[in-house]
């Protein structure tokens, strides 16, 4: 059975006969109260899955289809509706389609997968009945770090002496220590200046205090308490924070 025919049969079987949504059908025929997710026939004869006020999936008579969230891809409920529809109507026609947010090239971005092949999602992306991309192929983005700035940071941390004394400072660190707090919005730049400048070594214990401890609920004692991370975990957290603004988004190749 084709996708288009399956949606037509669903519409005929579960159609609302009266009320505001007369002529459409709930996406889940067993849950008629969920009328914000509906199957309908458009004015030009296409079949569509409508979520609130948007046709998020439109299927033409030849089973080619368009996916468009009208800017609502970030909404989990929108994606759930779409994936439910893909499962209900597309799977039996031999198409495995899903939409989700995933990490590609170190960057979280919108994805539509068709028969195991991933594409960068955008509103209006369209496919043939066999799952071939019909609209423009848009490349994924990639998150890349500035290698020169990163090398300068690593060299500076070593030259300042911070790397040499880090483990000793971590052993001595206590949750009672005064914690370093960034001044203003440029926290990463301030942190790099502290870590690479021996004249600011008086700030190093406060930096370690900030990244070595987390206040959390302890199930064993049923109380809130501080947890101290390992030296490696703390070092990783500090370096991550120091590099926060050294990343840029580029087109993946």
C-alpha atoms as a PDB file:
ATOM      1  CA  UNK A   1       0.000   0.000   0.000  1.00  0.00           C
ATOM      2  CA  UNK A   2       1.289   3.467  -0.846  1.00  0.00           C
ATOM      3  CA  UNK A   3       1.715   6.214   1.723  1.00  0.00           C
ATOM      4  CA  UNK A   4      -0.894   8.333  -0.019  1.00  0.00           C
ATOM      5  CA  UNK A   5      -3.454   5.511  -0.067  1.00  0.00           C
ATOM      6  CA  UNK A   6      -2.791   4.619   3.569  1.00  0.00           C
ATOM      7  CA  UNK A   7      -3.473   8.202   4.604  1.00  0.00           C
ATOM      8  CA  UNK A   8      -6.645   8.323   2.506  1.00  0.00           C
ATOM      9  CA  UNK A   9      -7.950   5.150   4.137  1.00  0.00           C
ATOM     10  CA  UNK A  10      -7.072   6.470   7.576  1.00  0.00           C
ATOM     11  CA  UNK A  11      -8.947   9.681   6.846  1.00  0.00           C
ATOM     12  CA  UNK A  12     -12.031   7.846   5.636  1.00  0.00           C
ATOM     13  CA  UNK A  13     -12.015   5.489   8.623  1.00  0.00           C
ATOM     14  CA  UNK A  14     -11.488   8.026  11.403  1.00  0.00           C
ATOM     15  CA  UNK A  15     -12.887  11.280   9.983  1.00  0.00           C
ATOM     16  CA  UNK A  16     -14.534  13.791  12.309  1.00  0.00           C
ATOM     17  CA  UNK A  17     -18.149  14.117  11.116  1.00  0.00           C
ATOM     18  CA  UNK A  18     -18.932  17.355  12.903  1.00  0.00           C
ATOM     19  CA  UNK A  19     -17.345  20.216  14.785  1.00  0.00           C
ATOM     20  CA  UNK A  20     -14.409  22.487  14.141  1.00  0.00           C
ATOM     21  CA  UNK A  21     -12.252  19.740  12.614  1.00  0.00           C
ATOM     22  CA  UNK A  22     -14.951  18.172  10.435  1.00  0.00           C
ATOM     23  CA  UNK A  23     -13.452  16.485   7.390  1.00  0.00           C
ATOM     24  CA  UNK A  24     -10.118  15.705   9.061  1.00  0.00           C
ATOM     25  CA  UNK A  25      -9.116  12.748  11.230  1.00  0.00           C
ATOM     26  CA  UNK A  26      -7.021  12.364  14.375  1.00  0.00           C
ATOM     27  CA  UNK A  27      -3.520  11.082  13.683  1.00  0.00           C
ATOM     28  CA  UNK A  28      -4.127   8.394  16.289  1.00  0.00           C
ATOM     29  CA  UNK A  29      -7.547   6.985  15.501  1.00  0.00           C
ATOM     30  CA  UNK A  30      -7.880   5.571  19.015  1.00  0.00           C
ATOM     31  CA  UNK A  31      -7.351   8.980  20.629  1.00  0.00           C
ATOM     32  CA  UNK A  32      -9.902  11.236  18.989  1.00  0.00           C
ATOM     33  CA  UNK A  33      -9.434  13.914  21.640  1.00  0.00           C
ATOM     34  CA  UNK A  34      -5.941  14.668  20.301  1.00  0.00           C
ATOM     35  CA  UNK A  35      -7.317  16.904  17.574  1.00  0.00           C
ATOM     36  CA  UNK A  36      -4.157  19.007  17.408  1.00  0.00           C
ATOM     37  CA  UNK A  37      -2.602  16.128  15.426  1.00  0.00           C
ATOM     38  CA  UNK A  38      -4.673  15.451  12.352  1.00  0.00           C
ATOM     39  CA  UNK A  39      -4.662  13.884   8.906  1.00  0.00           C
ATOM     40  CA  UNK A  40      -6.328  15.895   6.172  1.00  0.00           C
ATOM     41  CA  UNK A  41      -6.656  16.282   2.436  1.00  0.00           C
ATOM     42  CA  UNK A  42      -5.446  19.638   1.104  1.00  0.00           C
ATOM     43  CA  UNK A  43      -7.251  21.814  -1.410  1.00  0.00           C
ATOM     44  CA  UNK A  44      -5.004  20.575  -4.230  1.00  0.00           C
ATOM     45  CA  UNK A  45      -5.517  16.901  -3.444  1.00  0.00           C
ATOM     46  CA  UNK A  46      -2.428  16.134  -1.376  1.00  0.00           C
ATOM     47  CA  UNK A  47      -2.569  14.286   1.941  1.00  0.00           C
ATOM     48  CA  UNK A  48      -1.098  16.011   4.962  1.00  0.00           C
ATOM     49  CA  UNK A  49      -0.325  15.543   8.633  1.00  0.00           C
ATOM     50  CA  UNK A  50      -1.273  18.733  10.413  1.00  0.00           C
ATOM     51  CA  UNK A  51       0.146  19.660  13.807  1.00  0.00           C
ATOM     52  CA  UNK A  52      -1.802  22.561  15.297  1.00  0.00           C
ATOM     53  CA  UNK A  53      -1.815  25.036  12.385  1.00  0.00           C
ATOM     54  CA  UNK A  54       1.003  23.603  10.251  1.00  0.00           C
ATOM     55  CA  UNK A  55       1.088  20.830   7.673  1.00  0.00           C
ATOM     56  CA  UNK A  56       4.311  19.244   8.900  1.00  0.00           C
ATOM     57  CA  UNK A  57       4.220  16.409   6.344  1.00  0.00           C
ATOM     58  CA  UNK A  58       2.627  16.689   2.899  1.00  0.00           C
ATOM     59  CA  UNK A  59       2.339  13.654   0.633  1.00  0.00           C
ATOM     60  CA  UNK A  60       1.528  13.936  -3.056  1.00  0.00           C
ATOM     61  CA  UNK A  61      -0.366  11.254  -5.038  1.00  0.00           C
ATOM     62  CA  UNK A  62       2.936   9.847  -6.365  1.00  0.00           C
ATOM     63  CA  UNK A  63       4.123   9.387  -2.745  1.00  0.00           C
ATOM     64  CA  UNK A  64       6.762  12.119  -2.946  1.00  0.00           C
ATOM     65  CA  UNK A  65       6.643  14.118   0.257  1.00  0.00           C
ATOM     66  CA  UNK A  66       7.622  17.424   1.825  1.00  0.00           C
ATOM     67  CA  UNK A  67       8.568  17.985   5.476  1.00  0.00           C
ATOM     68  CA  UNK A  68       8.137  21.445   6.956  1.00  0.00           C
ATOM     69  CA  UNK A  69       7.750  22.521  10.579  1.00  0.00           C
ATOM     70  CA  UNK A  70       7.329  26.246   9.907  1.00  0.00           C
ATOM     71  CA  UNK A  71      10.199  26.986  12.281  1.00  0.00           C
ATOM     72  CA  UNK A  72       9.050  24.601  15.036  1.00  0.00           C
ATOM     73  CA  UNK A  73      11.644  21.841  14.604  1.00  0.00           C
ATOM     74  CA  UNK A  74      13.126  22.630  18.029  1.00  0.00           C
ATOM     75  CA  UNK A  75       9.822  21.685  19.663  1.00  0.00           C
ATOM     76  CA  UNK A  76       9.943  18.064  20.902  1.00  0.00           C
ATOM     77  CA  UNK A  77       6.170  17.668  20.499  1.00  0.00           C
ATOM     78  CA  UNK A  78       6.414  18.670  16.835  1.00  0.00           C
ATOM     79  CA  UNK A  79       9.075  16.027  16.191  1.00  0.00           C
ATOM     80  CA  UNK A  80       7.095  13.402  18.123  1.00  0.00           C
ATOM     81  CA  UNK A  81       4.036  14.059  15.969  1.00  0.00           C
ATOM     82  CA  UNK A  82       6.073  13.765  12.780  1.00  0.00           C
ATOM     83  CA  UNK A  83       7.798  10.563  13.861  1.00  0.00           C
ATOM     84  CA  UNK A  84       4.468   9.038  14.873  1.00  0.00           C
ATOM     85  CA  UNK A  85       3.138   9.821  11.395  1.00  0.00           C
ATOM     86  CA  UNK A  86       6.222   8.391   9.694  1.00  0.00           C
ATOM     87  CA  UNK A  87       5.783   5.200  11.680  1.00  0.00           C
ATOM     88  CA  UNK A  88       2.068   4.959  10.936  1.00  0.00           C
ATOM     89  CA  UNK A  89       2.073   5.606   7.190  1.00  0.00           C
ATOM     90  CA  UNK A  90       5.589   5.342   5.757  1.00  0.00           C
ATOM     91  CA  UNK A  91       6.975   2.127   7.209  1.00  0.00           C
ATOM     92  CA  UNK A  92       4.589  -0.206   5.400  1.00  0.00           C
ATOM     93  CA  UNK A  93       5.508   1.519   2.132  1.00  0.00           C
ATOM     94  CA  UNK A  94       9.165   0.598   2.690  1.00  0.00           C
ATOM     95  CA  UNK A  95      10.405   3.976   3.913  1.00  0.00           C
ATOM     96  CA  UNK A  96      12.089   4.424   7.293  1.00  0.00           C
ATOM     97  CA  UNK A  97      11.909   8.145   8.013  1.00  0.00           C
ATOM     98  CA  UNK A  98      12.580  10.027  11.237  1.00  0.00           C
ATOM     99  CA  UNK A  99      13.501  13.514  12.392  1.00  0.00           C
ATOM    100  CA  UNK A 100      15.671  14.357  15.385  1.00  0.00           C
ATOM    101  CA  UNK A 101      18.397  16.573  16.755  1.00  0.00           C
ATOM    102  CA  UNK A 102      21.790  14.916  16.608  1.00  0.00           C
ATOM    103  CA  UNK A 103      25.486  15.686  16.863  1.00  0.00           C
ATOM    104  CA  UNK A 104      27.291  15.803  13.529  1.00  0.00           C
ATOM    105  CA  UNK A 105      30.825  17.152  13.221  1.00  0.00           C
ATOM    106  CA  UNK A 106      30.780  18.101  16.922  1.00  0.00           C
ATOM    107  CA  UNK A 107      27.693  20.291  16.491  1.00  0.00           C
ATOM    108  CA  UNK A 108      24.093  19.628  17.496  1.00  0.00           C
ATOM    109  CA  UNK A 109      21.867  20.156  14.442  1.00  0.00           C
ATOM    110  CA  UNK A 110      18.526  19.130  12.931  1.00  0.00           C
ATOM    111  CA  UNK A 111      18.510  15.856  11.021  1.00  0.00           C
ATOM    112  CA  UNK A 112      16.058  13.944   8.868  1.00  0.00           C
ATOM    113  CA  UNK A 113      16.960  10.323   8.217  1.00  0.00           C
ATOM    114  CA  UNK A 114      15.537   8.423   5.244  1.00  0.00           C
ATOM    115  CA  UNK A 115      16.324   4.714   5.002  1.00  0.00           C
ATOM    116  CA  UNK A 116      19.399   5.225   7.161  1.00  0.00           C
ATOM    117  CA  UNK A 117      20.828   8.181   5.256  1.00  0.00           C
ATOM    118  CA  UNK A 118      21.028  11.423   7.202  1.00  0.00           C
ATOM    119  CA  UNK A 119      20.362  14.878   5.761  1.00  0.00           C
ATOM    120  CA  UNK A 120      20.520  18.284   7.367  1.00  0.00           C
ATOM    121  CA  UNK A 121      16.880  19.160   7.972  1.00  0.00           C
ATOM    122  CA  UNK A 122      15.347  22.420   6.770  1.00  0.00           C
ATOM    123  CA  UNK A 123      11.742  23.460   6.288  1.00  0.00           C
ATOM    124  CA  UNK A 124      10.591  22.401   2.835  1.00  0.00           C
ATOM    125  CA  UNK A 125      12.981  19.495   2.352  1.00  0.00           C
ATOM    126  CA  UNK A 126      11.395  16.994  -0.040  1.00  0.00           C
ATOM    127  CA  UNK A 127      11.908  13.390  -1.099  1.00  0.00           C
ATOM    128  CA  UNK A 128      10.687  11.012  -3.773  1.00  0.00           C
ATOM    129  CA  UNK A 129       8.576   7.927  -3.097  1.00  0.00           C
ATOM    130  CA  UNK A 130      11.790   5.869  -2.936  1.00  0.00           C
ATOM    131  CA  UNK A 131      13.453   8.257  -0.472  1.00  0.00           C
ATOM    132  CA  UNK A 132      15.696  10.146  -2.888  1.00  0.00           C
ATOM    133  CA  UNK A 133      16.270  13.800  -2.060  1.00  0.00           C
ATOM    134  CA  UNK A 134      14.395  16.066  -4.491  1.00  0.00           C
ATOM    135  CA  UNK A 135      15.137  19.486  -3.024  1.00  0.00           C
ATOM    136  CA  UNK A 136      18.461  21.177  -2.356  1.00  0.00           C
ATOM    137  CA  UNK A 137      21.109  19.267  -0.423  1.00  0.00           C
ATOM    138  CA  UNK A 138      22.238  21.532   2.390  1.00  0.00           C
ATOM    139  CA  UNK A 139      25.563  20.624   4.001  1.00  0.00           C
ATOM    140  CA  UNK A 140      25.868  19.960   7.690  1.00  0.00           C
ATOM    141  CA  UNK A 141      27.622  22.525   9.832  1.00  0.00           C
ATOM    142  CA  UNK A 142      30.761  21.702  11.784  1.00  0.00           C
ATOM    143  CA  UNK A 143      32.142  23.020  15.038  1.00  0.00           C
ATOM    144  CA  UNK A 144      35.851  23.752  14.739  1.00  0.00           C
ATOM    145  CA  UNK A 145      38.260  25.121  17.305  1.00  0.00           C
ATOM    146  CA  UNK A 146      40.899  27.761  16.584  1.00  0.00           C
ATOM    147  CA  UNK A 147      44.057  25.660  16.661  1.00  0.00           C
ATOM    148  CA  UNK A 148      46.441  28.607  16.998  1.00  0.00           C
ATOM    149  CA  UNK A 149      44.552  30.026  19.987  1.00  0.00           C
ATOM    150  CA  UNK A 150      44.366  26.573  21.553  1.00  0.00           C
ATOM    151  CA  UNK A 151      48.101  26.013  21.190  1.00  0.00           C
ATOM    152  CA  UNK A 152      48.749  29.440  22.697  1.00  0.00           C
ATOM    153  CA  UNK A 153      46.581  28.489  25.688  1.00  0.00           C
ATOM    154  CA  UNK A 154      48.334  25.163  26.228  1.00  0.00           C
ATOM    155  CA  UNK A 155      51.777  26.760  25.911  1.00  0.00           C
ATOM    156  CA  UNK A 156      50.772  29.561  28.256  1.00  0.00           C
ATOM    157  CA  UNK A 157      49.383  27.209  30.912  1.00  0.00           C
ATOM    158  CA  UNK A 158      52.681  25.340  30.893  1.00  0.00           C
ATOM    159  CA  UNK A 159      54.847  28.454  30.892  1.00  0.00           C
ATOM    160  CA  UNK A 160      52.937  30.102  33.760  1.00  0.00           C
ATOM    161  CA  UNK A 161      53.472  27.112  36.041  1.00  0.00           C
ATOM    162  CA  UNK A 162      49.765  26.373  36.477  1.00  0.00           C
ATOM    163  CA  UNK A 163      50.068  22.929  34.909  1.00  0.00           C
ATOM    164  CA  UNK A 164      52.939  22.002  37.228  1.00  0.00           C
ATOM    165  CA  UNK A 165      51.150  22.944  40.444  1.00  0.00           C
ATOM    166  CA  UNK A 166      47.630  21.942  39.407  1.00  0.00           C
ATOM    167  CA  UNK A 167      47.567  18.503  41.054  1.00  0.00           C
ATOM    168  CA  UNK A 168      48.929  19.861  44.342  1.00  0.00           C
ATOM    169  CA  UNK A 169      46.342  22.638  44.336  1.00  0.00           C
ATOM    170  CA  UNK A 170      43.614  20.131  43.539  1.00  0.00           C
ATOM    171  CA  UNK A 171      44.599  17.899  46.471  1.00  0.00           C
ATOM    172  CA  UNK A 172      44.510  20.905  48.801  1.00  0.00           C
ATOM    173  CA  UNK A 173      41.263  22.306  47.409  1.00  0.00           C
ATOM    174  CA  UNK A 174      38.271  22.447  49.722  1.00  0.00           C
ATOM    175  CA  UNK A 175      34.642  23.322  49.143  1.00  0.00           C
ATOM    176  CA  UNK A 176      35.131  26.019  51.805  1.00  0.00           C
ATOM    177  CA  UNK A 177      37.680  27.852  49.630  1.00  0.00           C
ATOM    178  CA  UNK A 178      36.723  31.144  48.040  1.00  0.00           C
ATOM    179  CA  UNK A 179      35.544  30.485  44.495  1.00  0.00           C
ATOM    180  CA  UNK A 180      36.689  32.501  41.492  1.00  0.00           C
ATOM    181  CA  UNK A 181      33.835  34.257  39.730  1.00  0.00           C
ATOM    182  CA  UNK A 182      34.183  35.767  36.241  1.00  0.00           C
ATOM    183  CA  UNK A 183      33.569  39.477  35.930  1.00  0.00           C
ATOM    184  CA  UNK A 184      31.193  40.149  33.052  1.00  0.00           C
ATOM    185  CA  UNK A 185      30.366  38.095  29.984  1.00  0.00           C
ATOM    186  CA  UNK A 186      33.866  37.196  28.762  1.00  0.00           C
ATOM    187  CA  UNK A 187      34.477  34.393  31.218  1.00  0.00           C
ATOM    188  CA  UNK A 188      36.596  32.238  28.892  1.00  0.00           C
ATOM    189  CA  UNK A 189      38.959  35.085  28.025  1.00  0.00           C
ATOM    190  CA  UNK A 190      39.315  36.031  31.689  1.00  0.00           C
ATOM    191  CA  UNK A 191      40.007  32.425  32.595  1.00  0.00           C
ATOM    192  CA  UNK A 192      42.720  32.112  29.932  1.00  0.00           C
ATOM    193  CA  UNK A 193      44.363  35.263  31.250  1.00  0.00           C
ATOM    194  CA  UNK A 194      44.418  33.827  34.781  1.00  0.00           C
ATOM    195  CA  UNK A 195      45.773  30.419  33.754  1.00  0.00           C
ATOM    196  CA  UNK A 196      48.574  31.810  31.578  1.00  0.00           C
ATOM    197  CA  UNK A 197      49.666  34.675  33.831  1.00  0.00           C
ATOM    198  CA  UNK A 198      51.897  33.826  36.836  1.00  0.00           C
ATOM    199  CA  UNK A 199      51.113  37.256  38.286  1.00  0.00           C
ATOM    200  CA  UNK A 200      47.544  36.034  38.753  1.00  0.00           C
ATOM    201  CA  UNK A 201      48.480  32.799  40.484  1.00  0.00           C
ATOM    202  CA  UNK A 202      46.600  33.982  43.569  1.00  0.00           C
ATOM    203  CA  UNK A 203      43.429  33.234  41.552  1.00  0.00           C
ATOM    204  CA  UNK A 204      44.387  29.641  40.773  1.00  0.00           C
ATOM    205  CA  UNK A 205      42.958  28.059  43.974  1.00  0.00           C
ATOM    206  CA  UNK A 206      39.665  29.851  43.335  1.00  0.00           C
ATOM    207  CA  UNK A 207      39.543  28.548  39.783  1.00  0.00           C
ATOM    208  CA  UNK A 208      40.116  24.990  40.964  1.00  0.00           C
ATOM    209  CA  UNK A 209      37.459  25.438  43.654  1.00  0.00           C
ATOM    210  CA  UNK A 210      34.969  26.495  40.960  1.00  0.00           C
ATOM    211  CA  UNK A 211      35.488  23.466  38.729  1.00  0.00           C
ATOM    212  CA  UNK A 212      36.423  20.768  41.262  1.00  0.00           C
ATOM    213  CA  UNK A 213      33.191  20.741  43.238  1.00  0.00           C
ATOM    214  CA  UNK A 214      29.494  20.271  42.567  1.00  0.00           C
ATOM    215  CA  UNK A 215      26.671  20.615  45.059  1.00  0.00           C
ATOM    216  CA  UNK A 216      24.415  17.609  44.691  1.00  0.00           C
ATOM    217  CA  UNK A 217      21.971  15.369  46.509  1.00  0.00           C
ATOM    218  CA  UNK A 218      23.655  12.351  48.093  1.00  0.00           C
ATOM    219  CA  UNK A 219      21.289   9.374  48.064  1.00  0.00           C
ATOM    220  CA  UNK A 220      23.364   7.411  50.555  1.00  0.00           C
ATOM    221  CA  UNK A 221      23.059  10.044  53.259  1.00  0.00           C
ATOM    222  CA  UNK A 222      19.790  11.547  51.931  1.00  0.00           C
ATOM    223  CA  UNK A 223      21.249  15.028  52.128  1.00  0.00           C
ATOM    224  CA  UNK A 224      22.800  17.737  49.965  1.00  0.00           C
ATOM    225  CA  UNK A 225      26.570  17.823  49.935  1.00  0.00           C
ATOM    226  CA  UNK A 226      29.563  18.740  47.812  1.00  0.00           C
ATOM    227  CA  UNK A 227      31.136  16.171  45.534  1.00  0.00           C
ATOM    228  CA  UNK A 228      34.784  16.623  44.592  1.00  0.00           C
ATOM    229  CA  UNK A 229      35.713  15.618  41.076  1.00  0.00           C
ATOM    230  CA  UNK A 230      38.970  13.864  40.275  1.00  0.00           C
ATOM    231  CA  UNK A 231      41.981  15.874  39.147  1.00  0.00           C
ATOM    232  CA  UNK A 232      41.484  14.714  35.548  1.00  0.00           C
ATOM    233  CA  UNK A 233      37.794  15.636  35.569  1.00  0.00           C
ATOM    234  CA  UNK A 234      38.592  19.037  37.036  1.00  0.00           C
ATOM    235  CA  UNK A 235      41.360  19.697  34.511  1.00  0.00           C
ATOM    236  CA  UNK A 236      39.032  18.760  31.665  1.00  0.00           C
ATOM    237  CA  UNK A 237      36.330  21.099  32.986  1.00  0.00           C
ATOM    238  CA  UNK A 238      38.776  24.003  33.324  1.00  0.00           C
ATOM    239  CA  UNK A 239      40.169  23.537  29.824  1.00  0.00           C
ATOM    240  CA  UNK A 240      36.666  23.244  28.368  1.00  0.00           C
ATOM    241  CA  UNK A 241      35.632  26.501  30.024  1.00  0.00           C
ATOM    242  CA  UNK A 242      38.810  28.257  28.875  1.00  0.00           C
ATOM    243  CA  UNK A 243      38.188  27.244  25.247  1.00  0.00           C
ATOM    244  CA  UNK A 244      34.481  28.068  25.235  1.00  0.00           C
ATOM    245  CA  UNK A 245      34.769  31.036  22.868  1.00  0.00           C
ATOM    246  CA  UNK A 246      37.500  29.566  20.648  1.00  0.00           C
ATOM    247  CA  UNK A 247      35.029  27.580  18.535  1.00  0.00           C
ATOM    248  CA  UNK A 248      33.509  28.665  15.257  1.00  0.00           C
ATOM    249  CA  UNK A 249      30.819  27.166  13.054  1.00  0.00           C
ATOM    250  CA  UNK A 250      31.848  26.292   9.508  1.00  0.00           C
ATOM    251  CA  UNK A 251      30.393  24.299   6.626  1.00  0.00           C
ATOM    252  CA  UNK A 252      31.323  20.640   6.936  1.00  0.00           C
ATOM    253  CA  UNK A 253      33.284  19.169   4.049  1.00  0.00           C
END
